Amino acid sequence: MPAVTPQDDTRLRYAWRVCAVTSLGIVLIGVAGSTLNVALPTVVRHFEASALESTWILLAFLLVNTASLVFFGRVADLLGRREVYLTGFALFTLASLLAGLSPDVWFLIGTRALQAVGAAMILANGTVIITDAFPPDRLSQGMGVYIGTLSVAQLAGPTLGGLIAETAGWQWIFWINVPAGLIALAVGAGLLRKMPRRPKAPVDALGNVLVFAALSALLLALSEAGSGGLSSPVFLIGAGVFVLLVPLIVLAGRRSPSPVLDLRLFGGRLLACANLASFCNALARSALILVVALYFQAAKGLDAFEAGLSVLPVPVGIGLASPLVGMLGRRVSPYALSIVGAAMSTTGLGVLALAADPATPYWVIGGGLFVAGCGSGTFLTGNTTQVMRALPADSLGVVNGFRVMVMNVGIVISVGLSLSVLTASVGPALRAQVYAGTLSTLSPVAVGQLMDGFQRAYGVLFAVALTGTALAALARPPRRRRRPA
């Protein structure tokens, strides 16, 4: 074992301080998302929001965040990673303050979009800052802690969101981010060192606009599919625009010297399959807390706080698995960890698909949620370490933005797809009751129809997770040739 020099020890101490700062950022974003997932029915009832408005309270954040990740990865390369990262904290905090002051639902949706811009600045740079700070042989440990802190946010978020919604009012779901954001901004400004800027390259403005338009069209089509069906004009137009824009995005990327989607960096099997596996895992897991929280409120009649407690096995599983897997990362390959994690997530979703019934005991549902959570923590740590190790050092910013964007596309599609599949079974008249969490007060027939929707939604997510497991297995790193003796 090589000796640890004073220089290595100093670098490692700084790396763990960086990990603490970036973990504050992921906690801030994680809490903001998970509290709203559980408290969504309370917000919907306050604004008397329609089904479309209810969906876009969630999707506005995901869409803007996803479409701007690569952009801010490139901007950080030009203007400085520390500066863009800290600006993200400031913007996210301001948007949270404004969201709590929303006079109507569309103002809230607008402030959620502003939150998403700040979150993109944070997410596009946090993993790169960690990768730059840690020695390569300790990177999996840093990633394990970084991802594990997300579970802390998700652990506190649902319970906190339910408690706030039932006691202090929905505004505090957003205002609670303000002091946390100010603390993160102050700590980051004091601890983070300036990072060297990359050579200047133009920003692919056209590519960013095309990606945003394509994702918007896809989301509109998915949102309409559940209510209007596949023959709906809105669905057909949205799907058609998406199909039309995809080749234009590829063409624009080939002509730009710094494309928003540089597919050349993902031409190898390892990166292509690892990123596709990440996409599938994100799609399968991201709507889990939202769908299960709706299950407990709409089908079982629990309040927001009780529903928040019911989904805790997911973040508990992530919180236990991520740091343990991070420690194993020095002995077990990230490739093996990603396969095991993807398989565990698939197993958990399979249990939930089979147990979607109001009479199912909670320990069965909780067990499925816990296994899915452990799988997510294991996969995320292994997959992130595997991808970041394989990336070229001079493209970390923009490529990491691409990596996170791939995951976020899965999250965006997951929310739109799962909510469409879930609510398609109850018909337009009762769809608003599902979002408001009041369907259980109507009739057993309506709840029975909704349970069919839950089974279909979990079945779709299970199939996607199974595909992700196969892709994780295909992301085998090339074997190193042995040197002749």
Protein backbone atom coordinates (compact mmCIF):
# COMPACT_ATOMS: atom_id res chain seq x y z
CA MET A 1 0.00 0.00 0.00
CA PRO A 2 1.51 3.38 -0.96
CA ALA A 3 2.34 5.77 1.83
CA VAL A 4 0.06 8.76 2.38
CA THR A 5 2.05 11.99 1.93
CA PRO A 6 1.22 15.25 3.73
CA GLN A 7 0.12 16.66 0.36
CA ASP A 8 -2.33 13.77 -0.13
CA ASP A 9 -3.64 14.22 3.40
CA THR A 10 -4.24 17.94 2.82
CA ARG A 11 -6.05 17.22 -0.44
CA LEU A 12 -8.25 14.62 1.23
CA ARG A 13 -9.21 16.99 4.07
CA TYR A 14 -10.20 19.64 1.53
CA ALA A 15 -12.08 17.02 -0.50
CA TRP A 16 -14.25 16.09 2.47
CA ARG A 17 -14.99 19.77 3.13
CA VAL A 18 -16.03 20.10 -0.51
CA CYS A 19 -18.21 17.02 -0.10
CA ALA A 20 -19.92 18.66 2.89
CA VAL A 21 -20.64 21.86 0.93
CA THR A 22 -21.96 20.09 -2.17
CA SER A 23 -24.04 17.80 0.03
CA LEU A 24 -25.79 20.90 1.39
CA GLY A 25 -26.81 21.69 -2.18
CA ILE A 26 -28.22 18.25 -2.90
CA VAL A 27 -30.08 18.30 0.43
CA LEU A 28 -31.62 21.66 -0.42
CA ILE A 29 -32.89 20.45 -3.80
CA GLY A 30 -33.94 17.06 -2.46
CA VAL A 31 -36.00 18.55 0.36
CA ALA A 32 -37.64 21.00 -2.00
CA GLY A 33 -38.73 18.20 -4.32
CA SER A 34 -39.80 15.58 -1.82
CA THR A 35 -41.82 17.96 0.38
CA LEU A 36 -43.90 19.10 -2.59
CA ASN A 37 -44.47 15.54 -3.81
CA VAL A 38 -46.28 14.68 -0.58
CA ALA A 39 -47.92 18.09 -0.03
CA LEU A 40 -49.14 18.42 -3.63
CA PRO A 41 -52.79 17.65 -2.73
CA THR A 42 -52.76 20.50 -0.17
CA VAL A 43 -51.43 22.97 -2.75
CA VAL A 44 -53.94 21.72 -5.34
CA ARG A 45 -56.86 22.21 -2.96
CA HIS A 46 -55.68 25.72 -2.00
CA PHE A 47 -55.55 26.95 -5.60
CA GLU A 48 -58.43 24.72 -6.78
CA ALA A 49 -56.06 23.68 -9.54
CA SER A 50 -57.16 21.63 -12.52
CA ALA A 51 -55.54 18.31 -13.42
CA LEU A 52 -53.37 20.04 -16.05
CA GLU A 53 -52.25 22.76 -13.61
CA SER A 54 -51.56 20.15 -10.92
CA THR A 55 -49.29 18.23 -13.26
CA TRP A 56 -47.35 21.34 -14.32
CA ILE A 57 -46.67 22.39 -10.72
CA LEU A 58 -44.27 19.43 -10.77
CA LEU A 59 -43.29 19.31 -14.43
CA ALA A 60 -42.34 23.01 -14.80
CA PHE A 61 -39.41 22.47 -12.44
CA LEU A 62 -38.31 19.23 -14.08
CA LEU A 63 -38.56 20.54 -17.62
CA VAL A 64 -36.61 23.78 -17.09
CA ASN A 65 -34.05 22.06 -14.90
CA THR A 66 -33.44 19.31 -17.44
CA ALA A 67 -33.20 21.61 -20.45
CA SER A 68 -30.68 23.96 -18.79
CA LEU A 69 -28.26 21.51 -17.14
CA VAL A 70 -25.83 21.22 -20.04
CA PHE A 71 -26.07 24.94 -20.67
CA PHE A 72 -24.92 25.77 -17.14
CA GLY A 73 -22.24 23.10 -17.31
CA ARG A 74 -20.81 25.01 -20.28
CA VAL A 75 -21.35 28.43 -18.66
CA ALA A 76 -19.44 27.23 -15.58
CA ASP A 77 -16.54 26.17 -17.79
CA LEU A 78 -16.43 29.75 -19.12
CA LEU A 79 -17.23 31.88 -16.06
CA GLY A 80 -15.96 29.70 -13.23
CA ARG A 81 -17.52 26.66 -11.57
CA ARG A 82 -17.51 28.10 -8.04
CA GLU A 83 -19.17 31.34 -9.15
CA VAL A 84 -21.98 29.63 -11.08
CA TYR A 85 -22.51 27.11 -8.28
CA LEU A 86 -22.95 29.82 -5.65
CA THR A 87 -25.18 31.89 -7.95
CA GLY A 88 -27.41 28.83 -8.17
CA PHE A 89 -27.86 28.85 -4.39
CA ALA A 90 -28.81 32.53 -4.42
CA LEU A 91 -31.34 32.12 -7.25
CA PHE A 92 -32.90 28.99 -5.75
CA THR A 93 -33.33 30.76 -2.41
CA LEU A 94 -34.96 33.83 -4.00
CA ALA A 95 -37.33 31.69 -6.06
CA SER A 96 -38.36 29.73 -2.94
CA LEU A 97 -39.27 32.99 -1.20
CA LEU A 98 -41.37 34.11 -4.17
CA ALA A 99 -43.09 30.73 -4.51
CA GLY A 100 -44.54 31.04 -1.02
CA LEU A 101 -45.98 34.43 -1.98
CA SER A 102 -47.76 33.08 -5.08
CA PRO A 103 -51.17 34.75 -5.63
CA ASP A 104 -52.30 32.11 -8.14
CA VAL A 105 -51.26 28.73 -9.49
CA TRP A 106 -49.53 30.00 -12.64
CA PHE A 107 -47.36 32.40 -10.63
CA LEU A 108 -46.37 29.36 -8.55
CA ILE A 109 -45.55 27.41 -11.70
CA GLY A 110 -43.39 30.34 -12.88
CA THR A 111 -41.43 30.50 -9.61
CA ARG A 112 -40.95 26.73 -9.79
CA ALA A 113 -39.33 27.30 -13.19
CA LEU A 114 -37.06 29.94 -11.62
CA GLN A 115 -36.19 27.48 -8.86
CA ALA A 116 -35.25 25.03 -11.60
CA VAL A 117 -32.69 27.42 -13.08
CA GLY A 118 -30.95 27.76 -9.72
CA ALA A 119 -31.09 24.00 -9.18
CA ALA A 120 -29.52 23.42 -12.63
CA MET A 121 -26.58 25.63 -11.67
CA ILE A 122 -26.10 23.54 -8.52
CA LEU A 123 -26.62 20.08 -10.02
CA ALA A 124 -24.52 20.65 -13.15
CA ASN A 125 -21.48 21.51 -11.03
CA GLY A 126 -21.71 19.66 -7.72
CA THR A 127 -20.53 16.27 -9.01
CA VAL A 128 -17.72 17.89 -11.02
CA ILE A 129 -16.49 19.81 -7.98
CA ILE A 130 -16.36 16.55 -6.01
CA THR A 131 -14.61 14.69 -8.86
CA ASP A 132 -11.98 17.42 -9.07
CA ALA A 133 -11.41 17.45 -5.29
CA PHE A 134 -11.09 13.72 -4.53
CA PRO A 135 -8.18 11.45 -5.45
CA PRO A 136 -9.37 8.84 -7.99
CA ASP A 137 -9.08 5.94 -5.52
CA ARG A 138 -11.32 7.75 -3.01
CA LEU A 139 -13.92 9.04 -5.47
CA SER A 140 -16.44 6.27 -4.76
CA GLN A 141 -16.38 7.18 -1.05
CA GLY A 142 -17.07 10.82 -1.82
CA MET A 143 -19.86 9.90 -4.25
CA GLY A 144 -21.38 7.53 -1.70
CA VAL A 145 -21.65 10.29 0.90
CA TYR A 146 -22.83 12.84 -1.68
CA ILE A 147 -25.61 10.59 -2.94
CA GLY A 148 -26.38 9.38 0.58
CA THR A 149 -27.18 12.94 1.64
CA LEU A 150 -29.92 12.93 -0.97
CA SER A 151 -31.57 10.22 1.11
CA VAL A 152 -31.39 12.49 4.15
CA ALA A 153 -33.32 15.08 2.19
CA GLN A 154 -35.79 12.50 0.98
CA LEU A 155 -36.03 11.08 4.48
CA ALA A 156 -36.89 14.44 6.01
CA GLY A 157 -38.79 15.81 3.03
CA PRO A 158 -41.96 13.68 2.93
CA THR A 159 -42.51 13.81 6.69
CA LEU A 160 -41.61 17.49 6.83
CA GLY A 161 -43.79 18.29 3.84
CA GLY A 162 -46.78 16.50 5.30
CA LEU A 163 -46.33 18.10 8.71
CA ILE A 164 -45.92 21.60 7.25
CA ALA A 165 -48.93 21.17 4.95
CA GLU A 166 -51.13 20.10 7.85
CA THR A 167 -49.94 22.70 10.41
CA ALA A 168 -48.07 25.77 9.13
CA GLY A 169 -49.60 26.04 5.66
CA TRP A 170 -48.42 25.21 2.14
CA GLN A 171 -46.37 28.43 1.85
CA TRP A 172 -43.83 27.10 4.32
CA ILE A 173 -43.11 24.16 2.02
CA PHE A 174 -41.15 26.74 0.01
CA TRP A 175 -40.13 29.20 2.71
CA ILE A 176 -38.27 26.51 4.66
CA ASN A 177 -35.72 26.55 1.81
CA VAL A 178 -34.83 30.19 2.45
CA PRO A 179 -32.72 29.88 5.64
CA ALA A 180 -31.20 26.63 4.39
CA GLY A 181 -30.25 28.30 1.10
CA LEU A 182 -28.66 31.27 2.85
CA ILE A 183 -26.60 28.94 5.07
CA ALA A 184 -25.45 26.90 2.05
CA LEU A 185 -24.51 30.08 0.19
CA ALA A 186 -22.46 31.43 3.10
CA VAL A 187 -20.67 28.12 3.79
CA GLY A 188 -19.92 27.57 0.10
CA ALA A 189 -18.52 31.07 -0.34
CA GLY A 190 -16.22 30.54 2.63
CA LEU A 191 -14.94 27.04 1.83
CA LEU A 192 -14.87 26.47 -1.93
CA ARG A 193 -11.70 27.38 -3.79
CA LYS A 194 -11.74 28.84 -7.26
CA MET A 195 -11.30 26.24 -9.99
CA PRO A 196 -9.31 26.85 -13.19
CA ARG A 197 -11.45 27.92 -16.11
CA ARG A 198 -11.56 25.86 -19.28
CA PRO A 199 -10.70 27.30 -22.70
CA LYS A 200 -13.53 29.50 -23.93
CA ALA A 201 -16.00 27.88 -26.31
CA PRO A 202 -19.30 29.21 -27.68
CA VAL A 203 -22.56 28.17 -26.04
CA ASP A 204 -24.86 26.10 -28.25
CA ALA A 205 -27.89 28.41 -27.96
CA LEU A 206 -29.77 26.77 -30.84
CA GLY A 207 -29.23 23.33 -29.38
CA ASN A 208 -30.55 24.42 -25.98
CA VAL A 209 -33.69 25.92 -27.56
CA LEU A 210 -34.32 22.77 -29.61
CA VAL A 211 -33.85 20.49 -26.58
CA PHE A 212 -36.23 22.61 -24.51
CA ALA A 213 -38.84 22.59 -27.29
CA ALA A 214 -38.52 18.83 -27.82
CA LEU A 215 -38.91 18.04 -24.12
CA SER A 216 -41.89 20.42 -23.87
CA ALA A 217 -43.60 18.70 -26.80
CA LEU A 218 -42.92 15.26 -25.33
CA LEU A 219 -44.28 16.27 -21.93
CA LEU A 220 -47.39 17.78 -23.48
CA ALA A 221 -48.00 14.58 -25.43
CA LEU A 222 -47.53 12.37 -22.35
CA SER A 223 -49.76 14.59 -20.21
CA GLU A 224 -52.53 14.41 -22.82
CA ALA A 225 -52.18 10.65 -23.46
CA GLY A 226 -53.82 9.75 -20.15
CA SER A 227 -56.89 11.96 -20.65
CA GLY A 228 -57.39 12.29 -24.41
CA GLY A 229 -55.88 8.99 -25.52
CA LEU A 230 -53.35 8.29 -28.26
CA SER A 231 -55.73 9.63 -30.90
CA SER A 232 -56.02 13.06 -29.25
CA PRO A 233 -54.94 15.95 -31.54
CA VAL A 234 -52.81 17.39 -28.72
CA PHE A 235 -51.01 14.08 -28.27
CA LEU A 236 -50.46 13.65 -32.00
CA ILE A 237 -49.15 17.19 -32.44
CA GLY A 238 -46.85 16.96 -29.39
CA ALA A 239 -45.47 13.57 -30.44
CA GLY A 240 -45.06 14.78 -34.02
CA VAL A 241 -43.14 17.90 -32.97
CA PHE A 242 -40.87 15.78 -30.76
CA VAL A 243 -40.10 13.33 -33.57
CA LEU A 244 -39.42 16.24 -35.92
CA LEU A 245 -37.07 18.01 -33.52
CA VAL A 246 -34.88 15.01 -32.60
CA PRO A 247 -33.01 14.90 -35.95
CA LEU A 248 -32.72 18.70 -35.88
CA ILE A 249 -31.03 18.45 -32.45
CA VAL A 250 -28.58 15.90 -33.83
CA LEU A 251 -27.91 18.06 -36.91
CA ALA A 252 -27.39 21.19 -34.82
CA GLY A 253 -25.02 19.24 -32.57
CA ARG A 254 -22.88 18.17 -35.52
CA ARG A 255 -22.54 21.75 -36.74
CA SER A 256 -21.78 23.33 -33.37
CA PRO A 257 -18.18 23.33 -32.02
CA SER A 258 -19.58 22.85 -28.48
CA PRO A 259 -22.95 21.09 -28.89
CA VAL A 260 -25.44 20.78 -26.06
CA LEU A 261 -25.64 17.07 -26.85
CA ASP A 262 -22.16 15.95 -27.89
CA LEU A 263 -22.99 12.37 -28.81
CA ARG A 264 -19.38 11.74 -29.83
CA LEU A 265 -18.45 11.61 -26.15
CA PHE A 266 -20.88 8.71 -25.68
CA GLY A 267 -19.95 6.63 -28.69
CA GLY A 268 -18.31 3.87 -26.66
CA ARG A 269 -20.37 1.01 -25.28
CA LEU A 270 -19.51 1.70 -21.63
CA LEU A 271 -20.69 5.32 -21.55
CA ALA A 272 -23.65 4.73 -23.86
CA CYS A 273 -25.01 1.78 -21.87
CA ALA A 274 -24.19 3.29 -18.47
CA ASN A 275 -26.05 6.50 -19.31
CA LEU A 276 -29.01 4.63 -20.79
CA ALA A 277 -29.12 2.48 -17.64
CA SER A 278 -29.10 5.69 -15.57
CA PHE A 279 -31.98 7.00 -17.70
CA CYS A 280 -34.03 3.85 -17.11
CA ASN A 281 -33.29 3.78 -13.39
CA ALA A 282 -34.26 7.44 -13.02
CA LEU A 283 -37.46 6.92 -14.98
CA ALA A 284 -38.39 3.92 -12.85
CA ARG A 285 -37.60 5.34 -9.43
CA SER A 286 -38.30 9.07 -9.64
CA ALA A 287 -42.10 8.97 -9.48
CA LEU A 288 -42.09 6.33 -6.75
CA ILE A 289 -42.61 8.67 -3.77
CA LEU A 290 -45.14 10.76 -5.69
CA VAL A 291 -47.21 7.77 -6.82
CA VAL A 292 -47.07 6.02 -3.44
CA ALA A 293 -47.96 9.24 -1.61
CA LEU A 294 -51.00 9.60 -3.90
CA TYR A 295 -51.83 5.96 -3.21
CA PHE A 296 -51.98 6.50 0.54
CA GLN A 297 -53.97 9.74 0.25
CA ALA A 298 -56.30 9.02 -2.68
CA ALA A 299 -56.90 5.29 -2.10
CA LYS A 300 -56.48 4.90 1.67
CA GLY A 301 -57.63 8.33 2.82
CA LEU A 302 -54.54 9.22 4.88
CA ASP A 303 -53.57 12.85 5.42
CA ALA A 304 -50.38 14.39 4.04
CA PHE A 305 -48.36 13.81 7.23
CA GLU A 306 -49.33 10.13 7.46
CA ALA A 307 -48.59 9.66 3.76
CA GLY A 308 -45.16 11.23 4.30
CA LEU A 309 -44.39 8.73 7.05
CA SER A 310 -45.56 5.86 4.86
CA VAL A 311 -43.00 6.50 2.10
CA LEU A 312 -39.99 6.74 4.45
CA PRO A 313 -38.61 3.26 3.56
CA VAL A 314 -37.37 4.64 0.22
CA PRO A 315 -35.01 7.33 1.59
CA VAL A 316 -34.06 5.06 4.51
CA GLY A 317 -32.93 2.45 1.98
CA ILE A 318 -30.97 5.01 -0.03
CA GLY A 319 -29.42 6.43 3.15
CA LEU A 320 -28.23 3.03 4.35
CA ALA A 321 -27.00 1.74 1.01
CA SER A 322 -25.13 4.76 -0.42
CA PRO A 323 -22.38 5.23 2.20
CA LEU A 324 -21.93 1.46 2.63
CA VAL A 325 -21.53 1.04 -1.11
CA GLY A 326 -19.16 4.00 -1.17
CA MET A 327 -16.88 2.20 1.28
CA LEU A 328 -17.09 -0.99 -0.77
CA GLY A 329 -16.10 0.96 -3.87
CA ARG A 330 -12.38 0.46 -3.19
CA ARG A 331 -12.82 -3.34 -3.28
CA VAL A 332 -15.84 -3.91 -5.53
CA SER A 333 -15.99 -2.46 -9.03
CA PRO A 334 -18.54 0.29 -9.74
CA TYR A 335 -19.73 -1.87 -12.64
CA ALA A 336 -20.75 -4.70 -10.31
CA LEU A 337 -22.39 -2.31 -7.85
CA SER A 338 -24.50 -0.70 -10.57
CA ILE A 339 -25.80 -4.10 -11.72
CA VAL A 340 -26.70 -5.19 -8.19
CA GLY A 341 -28.42 -1.87 -7.49
CA ALA A 342 -30.44 -1.94 -10.71
CA ALA A 343 -31.58 -5.50 -9.97
CA MET A 344 -32.65 -4.55 -6.44
CA SER A 345 -34.66 -1.57 -7.74
CA THR A 346 -36.39 -3.85 -10.22
CA THR A 347 -37.26 -6.32 -7.45
CA GLY A 348 -38.75 -3.60 -5.25
CA LEU A 349 -40.93 -2.27 -8.06
CA GLY A 350 -42.04 -5.80 -8.85
CA VAL A 351 -43.26 -6.23 -5.26
CA LEU A 352 -45.20 -2.96 -5.46
CA ALA A 353 -46.78 -3.95 -8.78
CA LEU A 354 -48.04 -7.20 -7.26
CA ALA A 355 -49.20 -5.53 -4.01
CA ALA A 356 -51.27 -2.65 -5.45
CA ASP A 357 -54.45 -3.24 -3.46
CA PRO A 358 -56.03 -1.24 -0.59
CA ALA A 359 -56.14 -4.43 1.52
CA THR A 360 -52.40 -5.12 1.20
CA PRO A 361 -50.63 -4.98 4.61
CA TYR A 362 -48.28 -2.05 4.99
CA TRP A 363 -45.27 -4.27 5.74
CA VAL A 364 -45.47 -5.67 2.20
CA ILE A 365 -45.58 -2.21 0.61
CA GLY A 366 -42.91 -0.92 3.00
CA GLY A 367 -40.67 -3.87 2.16
CA GLY A 368 -40.95 -3.16 -1.56
CA LEU A 369 -40.20 0.52 -0.99
CA PHE A 370 -37.15 -0.31 1.16
CA VAL A 371 -35.68 -2.73 -1.40
CA ALA A 372 -36.25 -0.17 -4.17
CA GLY A 373 -34.54 2.49 -2.03
CA CYS A 374 -31.52 0.28 -1.31
CA GLY A 375 -31.28 -0.50 -5.01
CA SER A 376 -31.37 3.17 -5.96
CA GLY A 377 -28.63 4.06 -3.48
CA THR A 378 -26.42 1.21 -4.68
CA PHE A 379 -26.99 1.90 -8.38
CA LEU A 380 -26.50 5.67 -8.16
CA THR A 381 -23.19 5.36 -6.30
CA GLY A 382 -21.82 2.68 -8.62
CA ASN A 383 -23.09 4.19 -11.86
CA THR A 384 -21.99 7.76 -11.06
CA THR A 385 -18.48 6.62 -10.10
CA GLN A 386 -18.23 4.45 -13.21
CA VAL A 387 -19.27 7.27 -15.56
CA MET A 388 -17.20 10.02 -13.95
CA ARG A 389 -14.06 7.88 -14.04
CA ALA A 390 -14.56 7.28 -17.76
CA LEU A 391 -15.06 10.93 -18.73
CA PRO A 392 -12.30 13.04 -20.32
CA ALA A 393 -10.94 15.52 -17.78
CA ASP A 394 -11.21 18.50 -20.13
CA SER A 395 -14.94 17.98 -20.68
CA LEU A 396 -16.14 17.26 -17.14
CA GLY A 397 -18.43 20.30 -16.90
CA VAL A 398 -20.49 19.97 -20.04
CA VAL A 399 -20.43 16.16 -20.07
CA ASN A 400 -21.52 15.92 -16.45
CA GLY A 401 -24.32 18.30 -17.33
CA PHE A 402 -25.24 15.88 -20.11
CA ARG A 403 -25.10 12.94 -17.67
CA VAL A 404 -27.41 14.65 -15.18
CA MET A 405 -29.67 15.78 -18.02
CA VAL A 406 -30.05 12.18 -19.20
CA MET A 407 -31.22 11.24 -15.70
CA ASN A 408 -33.53 14.22 -15.53
CA VAL A 409 -35.10 13.36 -18.88
CA GLY A 410 -35.98 10.04 -17.28
CA ILE A 411 -37.45 11.89 -14.30
CA VAL A 412 -39.46 14.23 -16.52
CA ILE A 413 -40.87 11.39 -18.60
CA SER A 414 -41.48 9.33 -15.46
CA VAL A 415 -43.75 11.92 -13.85
CA GLY A 416 -45.75 12.59 -17.01
CA LEU A 417 -45.97 8.92 -17.98
CA SER A 418 -46.80 7.50 -14.55
CA LEU A 419 -49.46 10.13 -13.80
CA SER A 420 -51.04 9.60 -17.21
CA VAL A 421 -51.12 5.80 -16.80
CA LEU A 422 -52.33 6.13 -13.21
CA THR A 423 -55.20 8.53 -13.80
CA ALA A 424 -56.34 7.13 -17.17
CA SER A 425 -58.27 4.41 -15.30
CA VAL A 426 -60.64 6.80 -13.49
CA GLY A 427 -61.73 9.08 -16.34
CA PRO A 428 -61.61 12.88 -16.67
CA ALA A 429 -64.36 13.57 -14.12
CA LEU A 430 -62.47 11.98 -11.23
CA ARG A 431 -58.89 12.85 -12.21
CA ALA A 432 -58.82 16.07 -10.18
CA GLN A 433 -59.93 14.08 -7.11
CA VAL A 434 -56.82 11.90 -7.44
CA TYR A 435 -54.47 14.92 -7.41
CA ALA A 436 -56.38 16.47 -4.52
CA GLY A 437 -56.13 13.22 -2.53
CA THR A 438 -59.90 13.01 -1.95
CA LEU A 439 -60.90 10.08 -4.19
CA SER A 440 -61.26 7.69 -1.24
CA THR A 441 -64.24 9.73 0.02
CA LEU A 442 -66.26 8.95 -3.13
CA SER A 443 -67.03 5.31 -3.86
CA PRO A 444 -65.37 1.88 -3.69
CA VAL A 445 -65.89 1.60 -7.45
CA ALA A 446 -63.76 4.70 -8.09
CA VAL A 447 -61.02 3.43 -5.75
CA GLY A 448 -61.08 0.06 -7.51
CA GLN A 449 -60.61 1.77 -10.86
CA LEU A 450 -57.70 3.74 -9.44
CA MET A 451 -56.03 0.56 -8.18
CA ASP A 452 -56.03 -0.77 -11.74
CA GLY A 453 -54.16 2.41 -12.67
CA PHE A 454 -51.62 1.84 -9.88
CA GLN A 455 -50.98 -1.71 -11.08
CA ARG A 456 -50.42 -0.53 -14.64
CA ALA A 457 -48.17 2.34 -13.52
CA TYR A 458 -45.97 0.03 -11.41
CA GLY A 459 -45.95 -2.53 -14.23
CA VAL A 460 -44.61 0.05 -16.68
CA LEU A 461 -41.95 1.21 -14.20
CA PHE A 462 -40.97 -2.41 -13.49
CA ALA A 463 -40.43 -3.08 -17.20
CA VAL A 464 -38.28 0.04 -17.53
CA ALA A 465 -36.21 -0.93 -14.47
CA LEU A 466 -35.66 -4.40 -15.91
CA THR A 467 -34.38 -2.83 -19.13
CA GLY A 468 -32.05 -0.66 -17.03
CA THR A 469 -30.61 -3.75 -15.34
CA ALA A 470 -29.81 -5.28 -18.73
CA LEU A 471 -28.15 -2.04 -19.88
CA ALA A 472 -26.10 -1.85 -16.67
CA ALA A 473 -24.81 -5.35 -17.41
CA LEU A 474 -23.84 -4.28 -20.94
CA ALA A 475 -21.77 -1.34 -19.61
CA ARG A 476 -18.82 -3.62 -18.92
CA PRO A 477 -15.51 -1.73 -18.84
CA PRO A 478 -12.86 -2.92 -21.29
CA ARG A 479 -10.45 -5.45 -19.86
CA ARG A 480 -6.92 -4.23 -19.35
CA ARG A 481 -4.35 -6.18 -21.28
CA ARG A 482 -1.75 -7.86 -19.14
CA ARG A 483 1.77 -6.77 -19.75
CA PRO A 484 4.07 -9.60 -20.88
CA ALA A 485 6.40 -10.82 -18.19
